[in-house]
Amino acid sequence: MENSFQTSFIPKKPMVSSASDKEPRSLLLWIASLLLIISVAASVILFVYKIYLTKQKESSSASLLLARDSFEKDTIDELELFDKRMGAAKVILGNHVVFSPMFALLGEITIPTVQYTNFSQQTSNKESIINLQGLAHDYRSIALQADEFNSVKGRSFSNVLFSNLTKDKNNNISFDLKFNVEPDLLSYTKDVLNEQGGSNVTQ
């Protein structure tokens, strides 16, 4: 019996792919690999740069805080020193006395027949005590002068006391005079303010 199965060794289609098919695939794979490497490298660089920027920001913030604290401390120290100086100046001005207003007022209330020959001042319990020596034409002049001290103009003088009344060889009456002066009259600060107020009025 004749075998009907026939074997053919000639392929119907070619079994081997051509070289032109491999080249595009290799090129695409190479490009994809290159892009992947670039992406990974870029990611690493951006991550490292981000860390660097964060550290720079923290360092700058710390430097700024130190500078601000130093500036604030210097400013506070200056303000405290200025405040102390202002306080000391106020104390000095508050305790400083000026006698020119007292002499001016004393000249206004002193009558023509009375004159003062000696002056001294002492301070007790923040009060100024004035001691004067003088001459009057007669006892009546001393009485009139005492009335002037008790007048409205003489209200800045208190505890006025005439003593040691003695007639000299010229029939003049020598005397000692003691009185207290209101602190406001001797205040340097109020005297300056009064002068400024007067200058403003004249302007």
Protein backbone atom coordinates (compact mmCIF):
# COMPACT_ATOMS: atom_id res chain seq x y z
CA MET A 1 0.00 0.00 0.00
CA GLU A 2 1.38 3.25 -0.97
CA ASN A 3 1.86 5.83 1.86
CA SER A 4 -0.23 8.92 1.17
CA PHE A 5 1.56 11.07 3.86
CA GLN A 6 3.99 13.38 2.22
CA THR A 7 6.57 15.34 4.08
CA SER A 8 7.83 18.64 2.69
CA PHE A 9 11.08 20.24 3.95
CA ILE A 10 10.43 23.54 2.29
CA PRO A 11 8.87 26.02 4.71
CA LYS A 12 5.90 27.87 3.51
CA LYS A 13 6.99 31.12 5.33
CA PRO A 14 10.45 32.33 6.26
CA MET A 15 11.43 31.33 9.88
CA VAL A 16 14.16 33.95 10.50
CA SER A 17 13.28 37.70 11.07
CA SER A 18 15.22 40.21 9.15
CA ALA A 19 17.87 42.52 10.76
CA SER A 20 15.79 45.57 9.96
CA ASP A 21 13.13 44.47 12.49
CA LYS A 22 15.63 44.32 15.42
CA GLU A 23 17.14 47.75 14.92
CA PRO A 24 14.02 49.84 15.77
CA ARG A 25 13.39 47.80 18.90
CA SER A 26 16.97 48.25 20.13
CA LEU A 27 16.80 52.00 19.47
CA LEU A 28 13.54 52.38 21.38
CA LEU A 29 14.89 50.37 24.29
CA TRP A 30 18.02 52.50 24.40
CA ILE A 31 16.00 55.73 24.34
CA ALA A 32 13.66 54.46 27.05
CA SER A 33 16.62 53.45 29.23
CA LEU A 34 18.25 56.85 28.70
CA LEU A 35 15.07 58.67 29.63
CA LEU A 36 14.70 56.52 32.75
CA ILE A 37 18.26 57.27 33.81
CA ILE A 38 17.75 61.00 33.20
CA SER A 39 14.49 60.98 35.18
CA VAL A 40 16.08 59.16 38.12
CA ALA A 41 19.11 61.48 38.06
CA ALA A 42 16.86 64.55 37.89
CA SER A 43 14.78 63.27 40.80
CA VAL A 44 17.91 62.67 42.90
CA ILE A 45 19.29 66.12 42.03
CA LEU A 46 15.98 67.80 42.89
CA PHE A 47 15.77 65.91 46.17
CA VAL A 48 19.32 66.86 47.15
CA TYR A 49 18.69 70.48 46.10
CA LYS A 50 15.50 70.56 48.15
CA ILE A 51 17.42 69.36 51.22
CA TYR A 52 20.06 72.02 50.56
CA LEU A 53 17.42 74.76 50.27
CA THR A 54 15.74 73.58 53.47
CA LYS A 55 19.03 73.72 55.36
CA GLN A 56 19.81 77.14 53.89
CA LYS A 57 16.39 78.39 54.94
CA GLU A 58 16.84 77.05 58.47
CA SER A 59 20.31 78.60 58.69
CA SER A 60 19.02 81.95 57.38
CA SER A 61 16.09 81.86 59.81
CA ALA A 62 18.43 81.15 62.72
CA SER A 63 20.74 83.99 61.65
CA LEU A 64 17.76 86.32 61.31
CA LEU A 65 16.49 85.42 64.76
CA LEU A 66 19.93 86.01 66.26
CA ALA A 67 20.22 89.36 64.49
CA ARG A 68 16.72 90.37 65.57
CA ASP A 69 17.36 89.33 69.18
CA SER A 70 20.64 91.22 69.16
CA PHE A 71 18.97 94.31 67.65
CA GLU A 72 16.08 94.16 70.11
CA LYS A 73 18.49 93.73 73.04
CA ASP A 74 20.57 96.72 71.91
CA THR A 75 17.41 98.79 71.44
CA ILE A 76 16.03 97.77 74.81
CA ASP A 77 19.35 98.55 76.50
CA GLU A 78 19.41 101.98 74.87
CA LEU A 79 15.83 102.72 75.88
CA GLU A 80 16.49 101.58 79.45
CA LEU A 81 19.59 103.79 79.64
CA PHE A 82 17.64 106.72 78.20
CA ASP A 83 14.85 106.15 80.73
CA LYS A 84 17.35 106.11 83.60
CA ARG A 85 18.92 109.33 82.38
CA MET A 86 15.53 110.97 82.02
CA GLY A 87 14.62 109.84 85.54
CA ALA A 88 17.88 111.22 86.93
CA ALA A 89 17.36 114.50 85.07
CA LYS A 90 13.83 114.81 86.46
CA VAL A 91 15.11 114.22 89.99
CA ILE A 92 17.86 116.82 89.55
CA LEU A 93 15.48 119.37 88.07
CA GLY A 94 12.86 118.60 90.71
CA ASN A 95 15.33 119.21 93.52
CA HIS A 96 17.04 122.18 91.91
CA VAL A 97 16.04 125.53 93.38
CA VAL A 98 16.28 129.00 91.92
CA PHE A 99 16.17 132.09 94.12
CA SER A 100 15.59 134.77 91.51
CA PRO A 101 11.74 134.53 91.72
CA MET A 102 11.95 134.82 95.52
CA PHE A 103 14.20 137.88 95.35
CA ALA A 104 11.89 139.46 92.77
CA LEU A 105 8.83 138.91 94.99
CA LEU A 106 10.69 140.04 98.10
CA GLY A 107 11.66 143.24 96.28
CA GLU A 108 8.00 143.86 95.36
CA ILE A 109 6.69 143.60 98.92
CA THR A 110 9.58 145.39 100.66
CA ILE A 111 8.68 148.97 101.56
CA PRO A 112 11.16 151.83 100.84
CA THR A 113 12.01 152.39 104.53
CA VAL A 114 13.29 148.82 105.00
CA GLN A 115 16.50 147.34 103.64
CA TYR A 116 18.19 143.96 104.02
CA THR A 117 21.88 143.69 104.81
CA ASN A 118 22.51 139.97 105.09
CA PHE A 119 21.03 136.82 103.61
CA SER A 120 21.35 133.12 104.39
CA GLN A 121 19.32 130.06 103.48
CA GLN A 122 18.93 126.58 104.87
CA THR A 123 16.82 123.58 103.92
CA SER A 124 14.85 121.52 106.41
CA ASN A 125 12.37 118.75 105.49
CA LYS A 126 12.43 119.94 101.87
CA GLU A 127 11.46 123.45 103.00
CA SER A 128 13.66 126.48 102.42
CA ILE A 129 14.15 128.67 105.46
CA ILE A 130 15.38 132.21 104.81
CA ASN A 131 17.28 134.23 107.39
CA LEU A 132 17.70 137.96 106.79
CA GLN A 133 19.20 140.83 108.68
CA GLY A 134 18.14 144.37 107.93
CA LEU A 135 17.57 147.95 108.90
CA ALA A 136 14.33 149.96 109.20
CA HIS A 137 13.82 153.67 109.73
CA ASP A 138 11.62 153.03 112.73
CA TYR A 139 9.38 150.49 114.46
CA ARG A 140 6.42 151.57 112.37
CA SER A 141 8.32 150.55 109.21
CA ILE A 142 8.80 147.07 110.64
CA ALA A 143 5.07 146.82 111.40
CA LEU A 144 4.20 147.91 107.87
CA GLN A 145 6.65 145.41 106.47
CA ALA A 146 5.08 142.63 108.53
CA ASP A 147 1.71 143.58 107.01
CA GLU A 148 3.19 143.23 103.53
CA PHE A 149 4.34 139.70 104.32
CA ASN A 150 0.80 138.89 105.45
CA SER A 151 -0.77 140.36 102.29
CA VAL A 152 -1.91 138.44 99.19
CA LYS A 153 1.40 139.16 97.47
CA GLY A 154 3.32 137.69 100.38
CA ARG A 155 1.34 134.43 100.49
CA SER A 156 4.42 132.50 99.29
CA PHE A 157 6.16 133.39 102.58
CA SER A 158 5.04 131.74 105.80
CA ASN A 159 6.03 131.68 109.49
CA VAL A 160 7.37 135.23 109.18
CA LEU A 161 9.17 136.27 112.35
CA PHE A 162 10.90 139.58 113.16
CA SER A 163 13.29 139.38 116.11
CA ASN A 164 16.23 141.12 117.83
CA LEU A 165 14.89 144.60 117.15
CA THR A 166 17.62 147.04 118.23
CA LYS A 167 18.00 150.79 117.75
CA ASP A 168 21.46 151.78 116.54
CA LYS A 169 23.36 155.06 116.99
CA ASN A 170 21.60 156.50 113.92
CA ASN A 171 18.18 155.71 115.38
CA ASN A 172 17.64 153.02 112.75
CA ILE A 173 16.14 149.75 113.87
CA SER A 174 18.21 146.66 113.11
CA PHE A 175 16.35 143.37 113.03
CA ASP A 176 16.54 139.68 112.19
CA LEU A 177 13.92 138.19 109.90
CA LYS A 178 13.11 134.56 109.40
CA PHE A 179 10.49 132.96 107.14
CA ASN A 180 9.73 129.86 105.09
CA VAL A 181 9.36 129.93 101.32
CA GLU A 182 6.81 127.85 99.43
CA PRO A 183 8.68 125.22 97.33
CA ASP A 184 6.80 126.23 94.16
CA LEU A 185 8.36 129.68 94.29
CA LEU A 186 11.87 128.19 94.27
CA SER A 187 11.15 125.43 91.76
CA TYR A 188 13.50 125.65 88.79
CA THR A 189 11.11 123.64 86.60
CA LYS A 190 8.16 125.94 87.32
CA ASP A 191 10.33 128.98 86.81
CA VAL A 192 11.35 127.75 83.34
CA LEU A 193 7.73 126.93 82.48
CA ASN A 194 6.63 130.38 83.65
CA GLU A 195 9.30 132.00 81.49
CA GLN A 196 8.22 129.95 78.47
CA GLY A 197 4.60 130.85 79.12
CA GLY A 198 5.52 134.52 79.36
CA SER A 199 7.47 134.39 76.10
CA ASN A 200 4.54 132.71 74.35
CA VAL A 201 2.23 135.45 75.59
CA THR A 202 4.52 138.20 74.32
CA GLN A 203 4.72 136.52 70.93
